[in-house]
Amino acid sequence: MNDPPLIAGRREGFAGGYTPITSEGDNGLGPGLDFGIRVMMEGETVEEYDPKETIRVLLSGKADVRLGDQSTTVRRDCPFDERPTTLHVAPGTASRIVARKRSEWAEVRVSNDRSFDSRIFRPEECDREHRGAGLAQGACEREVRLIFDHTSRPDSNIVIGEVINYPGRWSSYPPHHHEQPEVYHYRFTRPQGYGHAELGDRVFKVRHCDTIKIRGGDDHAQVAAPGYGMYYLWIVRHLTGAPYTGFEFDPDHEWVLRPTDQGWEPR
């Protein structure tokens, strides 16, 4: 792998404007995608007409948005407690954002020669699922939010969602893999928070505002340090002829999914 999986160095947060983090041509992601963070100051306007498929997820802030004939005011104070607003912009479609207070957006771009209707996904449209309850003594209970997938947006080249990893618990667990590459972008409830990300047999310490690139086929799982809630945005890039429709668990650890087997418990 030519590029390091962990992209760090911005743990104090992001400055104003757009900060690129990884790009579509990176060797570490195969076909890849463009990913970065945009910070808009109050009163700032961004208007774009991008030739790529574009996804913008509001991490925090308040803004007026316009996408085609759709317009609304969006707000998010805390990604841990509130589901996201997401703009899904078709290639060559104009979009406009006016920040009403400091706003932070995660932005994804990917080449796509298909056309589709652009759409604003509101928080109430983001499916939320609690996973891991009743398994492994509660050690992998977490909240998974699906923004959209291949079923709901079949002409997209992306599947995207969020995970709220509870303090001291695991997520993406049991370890699983899929042939499509993926990106995780992390935030913590306190800036000194941290967790660990597994990529096969490698383990990386992840902190606030870090990003991990996951190669297709690598088993991956996460754990948050006790006391710290861990958020991550996850982005899967479909492969040509092989869209992401699911994953496979590491068979050595799949037994954890049996509620009747909680594993060893101290006496």
Protein backbone atom coordinates (compact mmCIF):
# COMPACT_ATOMS: atom_id res chain seq x y z
CA MET A 1 0.00 0.00 0.00
CA ASN A 2 1.68 3.22 -1.15
CA ASP A 3 -0.35 5.67 0.94
CA PRO A 4 -0.63 5.43 4.74
CA PRO A 5 -4.10 4.38 5.92
CA LEU A 6 -4.28 6.93 8.76
CA ILE A 7 -4.61 10.60 7.81
CA ALA A 8 -4.04 12.76 10.88
CA GLY A 9 -2.59 16.14 11.73
CA ARG A 10 -5.80 18.17 12.07
CA ARG A 11 -6.77 17.22 15.60
CA GLU A 12 -7.21 20.87 16.60
CA GLY A 13 -10.02 21.15 14.03
CA PHE A 14 -10.24 22.60 10.54
CA ALA A 15 -9.66 26.16 9.38
CA GLY A 16 -12.05 28.12 7.19
CA GLY A 17 -12.50 27.04 3.59
CA TYR A 18 -12.14 23.58 2.06
CA THR A 19 -9.49 21.17 3.35
CA PRO A 20 -8.88 18.17 1.06
CA ILE A 21 -8.12 14.91 2.89
CA THR A 22 -7.98 12.21 0.21
CA SER A 23 -8.57 12.17 -3.53
CA GLU A 24 -10.05 9.90 -6.16
CA GLY A 25 -6.66 8.94 -7.56
CA ASP A 26 -5.08 7.81 -4.28
CA ASN A 27 -3.54 4.36 -4.69
CA GLY A 28 -4.71 3.31 -1.26
CA LEU A 29 -8.35 3.41 -2.31
CA GLY A 30 -8.30 1.85 -5.77
CA PRO A 31 -10.93 3.79 -7.80
CA GLY A 32 -11.22 6.10 -4.81
CA LEU A 33 -13.15 9.24 -4.02
CA ASP A 34 -12.53 12.87 -3.12
CA PHE A 35 -13.11 13.61 0.55
CA GLY A 36 -12.57 16.75 2.58
CA ILE A 37 -14.01 19.12 5.18
CA ARG A 38 -15.44 22.56 4.44
CA VAL A 39 -15.77 25.19 7.16
CA MET A 40 -17.98 28.18 6.34
CA MET A 41 -18.06 31.32 8.45
CA GLU A 42 -21.28 33.20 9.18
CA GLY A 43 -22.50 35.00 6.08
CA GLU A 44 -20.26 33.06 3.69
CA THR A 45 -21.80 31.72 0.46
CA VAL A 46 -20.64 28.74 -1.59
CA GLU A 47 -22.13 28.16 -5.05
CA GLU A 48 -20.93 25.22 -7.11
CA TYR A 49 -21.62 23.44 -10.37
CA ASP A 50 -19.43 20.35 -10.04
CA PRO A 51 -19.01 17.78 -12.84
CA LYS A 52 -18.74 15.01 -10.22
CA GLU A 53 -21.41 13.45 -8.05
CA THR A 54 -21.24 15.41 -4.79
CA ILE A 55 -22.43 14.63 -1.27
CA ARG A 56 -22.38 17.16 1.57
CA VAL A 57 -23.13 16.06 5.12
CA LEU A 58 -23.74 18.80 7.69
CA LEU A 59 -21.59 18.08 10.75
CA SER A 60 -22.52 21.22 12.66
CA GLY A 61 -23.89 24.72 12.15
CA LYS A 62 -26.82 26.45 10.47
CA ALA A 63 -27.24 27.33 6.79
CA ASP A 64 -29.70 28.11 4.02
CA VAL A 65 -29.34 25.60 1.20
CA ARG A 66 -30.67 25.49 -2.35
CA LEU A 67 -30.49 22.49 -4.63
CA GLY A 68 -32.38 22.80 -7.91
CA ASP A 69 -35.93 23.77 -6.95
CA GLN A 70 -35.43 22.58 -3.34
CA SER A 71 -34.53 25.07 -0.63
CA THR A 72 -34.56 24.94 3.14
CA THR A 73 -32.78 26.07 6.28
CA VAL A 74 -30.77 23.35 7.99
CA ARG A 75 -29.25 23.16 11.45
CA ARG A 76 -27.23 20.67 13.48
CA ASP A 77 -25.78 21.41 16.88
CA CYS A 78 -24.27 18.04 17.77
CA PRO A 79 -23.60 15.03 15.51
CA PHE A 80 -23.73 12.69 18.51
CA ASP A 81 -27.31 13.60 19.43
CA GLU A 82 -28.80 14.63 16.08
CA ARG A 83 -29.11 12.93 12.74
CA PRO A 84 -27.64 14.67 9.67
CA THR A 85 -28.92 16.75 6.80
CA THR A 86 -27.31 15.60 3.55
CA LEU A 87 -27.21 17.18 0.10
CA HIS A 88 -26.89 14.63 -2.69
CA VAL A 89 -25.99 16.56 -5.85
CA ALA A 90 -26.06 14.97 -9.29
CA PRO A 91 -23.14 15.68 -11.65
CA GLY A 92 -23.43 19.10 -13.27
CA THR A 93 -26.13 20.35 -10.90
CA ALA A 94 -25.91 23.75 -9.22
CA SER A 95 -26.06 24.03 -5.44
CA ARG A 96 -25.90 27.00 -3.08
CA ILE A 97 -25.15 27.21 0.65
CA VAL A 98 -25.31 30.37 2.78
CA ALA A 99 -23.94 29.95 6.31
CA ARG A 100 -26.16 31.50 8.99
CA LYS A 101 -23.61 30.58 11.64
CA ARG A 102 -20.28 28.80 11.46
CA SER A 103 -20.99 25.58 9.58
CA GLU A 104 -18.91 22.49 8.97
CA TRP A 105 -19.59 20.09 6.12
CA ALA A 106 -18.08 16.77 5.12
CA GLU A 107 -17.82 16.70 1.32
CA VAL A 108 -17.53 13.67 -0.94
CA ARG A 109 -17.04 13.75 -4.71
CA VAL A 110 -16.82 10.87 -7.14
CA SER A 111 -16.87 10.47 -10.90
CA ASN A 112 -20.25 9.31 -12.17
CA ASP A 113 -21.58 9.34 -15.73
CA ARG A 114 -25.16 8.57 -14.68
CA SER A 115 -27.86 11.18 -14.09
CA PHE A 116 -30.29 11.19 -11.19
CA ASP A 117 -32.49 13.60 -9.28
CA SER A 118 -30.60 15.68 -6.75
CA ARG A 119 -32.08 15.54 -3.28
CA ILE A 120 -31.88 17.00 0.22
CA PHE A 121 -32.02 14.21 2.81
CA ARG A 122 -33.44 15.62 6.04
CA PRO A 123 -32.63 14.24 9.50
CA GLU A 124 -35.92 12.39 9.87
CA GLU A 125 -35.21 10.52 6.61
CA CYS A 126 -31.95 9.08 7.93
CA ASP A 127 -32.63 5.52 9.12
CA ARG A 128 -31.34 4.85 12.62
CA GLU A 129 -30.62 1.37 13.96
CA HIS A 130 -29.31 0.23 17.33
CA ARG A 131 -27.03 -2.75 16.83
CA GLY A 132 -25.31 -5.08 19.25
CA ALA A 133 -27.88 -4.96 22.06
CA GLY A 134 -27.98 -8.26 23.92
CA LEU A 135 -24.71 -9.46 22.38
CA ALA A 136 -21.30 -9.95 24.02
CA GLN A 137 -22.45 -8.48 27.34
CA GLY A 138 -23.32 -5.19 25.61
CA ALA A 139 -19.71 -4.59 24.56
CA CYS A 140 -20.58 -3.78 20.93
CA GLU A 141 -23.84 -1.84 21.27
CA ARG A 142 -23.89 1.25 19.03
CA GLU A 143 -26.10 3.43 16.81
CA VAL A 144 -25.84 3.10 13.03
CA ARG A 145 -27.37 5.72 10.75
CA LEU A 146 -27.83 4.99 7.07
CA ILE A 147 -28.10 8.11 4.93
CA PHE A 148 -28.54 6.23 1.65
CA ASP A 149 -27.41 3.01 -0.01
CA HIS A 150 -27.60 1.17 -3.33
CA THR A 151 -31.27 0.32 -2.76
CA SER A 152 -32.44 3.89 -2.18
CA ARG A 153 -29.99 5.61 -4.59
CA PRO A 154 -29.08 3.01 -7.23
CA ASP A 155 -27.48 5.55 -9.59
CA SER A 156 -25.04 6.81 -6.96
CA ASN A 157 -21.46 5.55 -6.78
CA ILE A 158 -21.49 5.88 -2.98
CA VAL A 159 -23.07 4.38 0.14
CA ILE A 160 -22.86 6.70 3.15
CA GLY A 161 -23.83 6.75 6.80
CA GLU A 162 -22.73 7.48 10.36
CA VAL A 163 -21.95 5.45 13.48
CA ILE A 164 -22.21 6.62 17.08
CA ASN A 165 -19.75 4.45 18.98
CA TYR A 166 -20.60 4.44 22.69
CA PRO A 167 -17.74 4.99 25.19
CA GLY A 168 -15.69 1.89 25.86
CA ARG A 169 -17.56 -0.18 23.31
CA TRP A 170 -16.87 -1.64 19.89
CA SER A 171 -18.50 -1.01 16.54
CA SER A 172 -18.14 -2.49 13.05
CA TYR A 173 -18.00 -5.65 15.14
CA PRO A 174 -17.52 -8.58 14.68
CA PRO A 175 -14.76 -7.58 12.25
CA HIS A 176 -16.09 -7.57 8.70
CA HIS A 177 -14.85 -6.98 5.18
CA HIS A 178 -16.09 -6.17 1.68
CA GLU A 179 -14.30 -5.78 -1.63
CA GLN A 180 -15.17 -2.08 -1.98
CA PRO A 181 -12.87 0.59 -0.45
CA GLU A 182 -14.13 2.74 2.41
CA VAL A 183 -13.31 5.90 4.37
CA TYR A 184 -13.97 6.59 8.07
CA HIS A 185 -13.81 10.15 9.44
CA TYR A 186 -13.78 10.51 13.25
CA ARG A 187 -14.98 12.96 15.87
CA PHE A 188 -15.01 12.62 19.68
CA THR A 189 -17.15 14.07 22.46
CA ARG A 190 -14.01 15.69 23.91
CA PRO A 191 -11.06 16.85 21.83
CA GLN A 192 -8.61 14.63 23.75
CA GLY A 193 -10.76 11.55 23.08
CA TYR A 194 -9.41 8.59 21.18
CA GLY A 195 -10.12 5.06 20.00
CA HIS A 196 -8.49 2.25 18.05
CA ALA A 197 -9.17 1.18 14.48
CA GLU A 198 -8.29 -2.28 13.24
CA LEU A 199 -7.30 -2.91 9.62
CA GLY A 200 -6.62 -6.62 9.46
CA ASP A 201 -3.77 -7.21 11.95
CA ARG A 202 -2.79 -3.54 12.05
CA VAL A 203 -4.15 -1.26 14.78
CA PHE A 204 -4.19 2.55 14.59
CA LYS A 205 -4.88 5.00 17.39
CA VAL A 206 -7.48 7.43 16.05
CA ARG A 207 -8.22 10.85 17.47
CA HIS A 208 -10.46 13.85 16.85
CA CYS A 209 -10.72 14.78 13.14
CA ASP A 210 -8.64 11.80 11.94
CA THR A 211 -9.52 9.84 8.80
CA ILE A 212 -8.83 6.18 7.99
CA LYS A 213 -8.69 4.72 4.47
CA ILE A 214 -9.78 1.08 4.30
CA ARG A 215 -8.71 -1.10 1.37
CA GLY A 216 -11.22 -3.50 -0.11
CA GLY A 217 -10.95 -6.89 1.58
CA ASP A 218 -9.46 -5.66 4.86
CA ASP A 219 -11.27 -6.77 8.03
CA HIS A 220 -12.06 -3.70 10.12
CA ALA A 221 -13.48 -2.99 13.57
CA GLN A 222 -13.35 -0.03 15.97
CA VAL A 223 -13.32 0.60 19.71
CA ALA A 224 -13.68 3.85 21.67
CA ALA A 225 -11.74 4.55 24.85
CA PRO A 226 -13.88 4.56 28.02
CA GLY A 227 -15.41 7.95 28.73
CA TYR A 228 -15.32 9.15 25.13
CA GLY A 229 -18.13 8.95 22.61
CA MET A 230 -16.78 8.33 19.11
CA TYR A 231 -18.52 9.42 15.91
CA TYR A 232 -17.46 8.39 12.46
CA LEU A 233 -18.80 9.13 9.01
CA TRP A 234 -18.42 6.08 6.76
CA ILE A 235 -18.26 6.24 2.98
CA VAL A 236 -18.13 3.18 0.71
CA ARG A 237 -17.21 3.54 -2.95
CA HIS A 238 -19.02 1.14 -5.32
CA LEU A 239 -16.80 -0.74 -7.75
CA THR A 240 -17.69 -1.02 -11.42
CA GLY A 241 -19.87 -4.10 -11.75
CA ALA A 242 -19.67 -4.74 -7.99
CA PRO A 243 -21.78 -2.29 -5.99
CA TYR A 244 -21.61 -2.45 -2.21
CA THR A 245 -24.66 -4.37 -0.97
CA GLY A 246 -23.31 -5.88 2.24
CA PHE A 247 -20.32 -7.41 3.99
CA GLU A 248 -18.95 -10.65 5.37
CA PHE A 249 -17.95 -11.25 8.99
CA ASP A 250 -14.64 -12.74 10.05
CA PRO A 251 -15.77 -16.35 10.68
CA ASP A 252 -13.51 -16.67 13.74
CA HIS A 253 -15.59 -14.08 15.60
CA GLU A 254 -19.04 -14.58 14.08
CA TRP A 255 -20.16 -16.56 17.16
CA VAL A 256 -20.52 -13.19 18.95
CA LEU A 257 -23.77 -12.67 17.01
CA ARG A 258 -25.45 -15.51 18.95
CA PRO A 259 -27.42 -14.02 21.89
CA THR A 260 -27.25 -17.39 23.65
CA ASP A 261 -23.46 -17.17 23.84
CA GLN A 262 -22.30 -14.10 25.76
CA GLY A 263 -18.72 -15.30 26.05
CA TRP A 264 -16.69 -15.60 29.21
CA GLU A 265 -18.03 -13.61 32.19
CA PRO A 266 -16.09 -12.95 35.42
CA ARG A 267 -17.44 -14.56 38.58
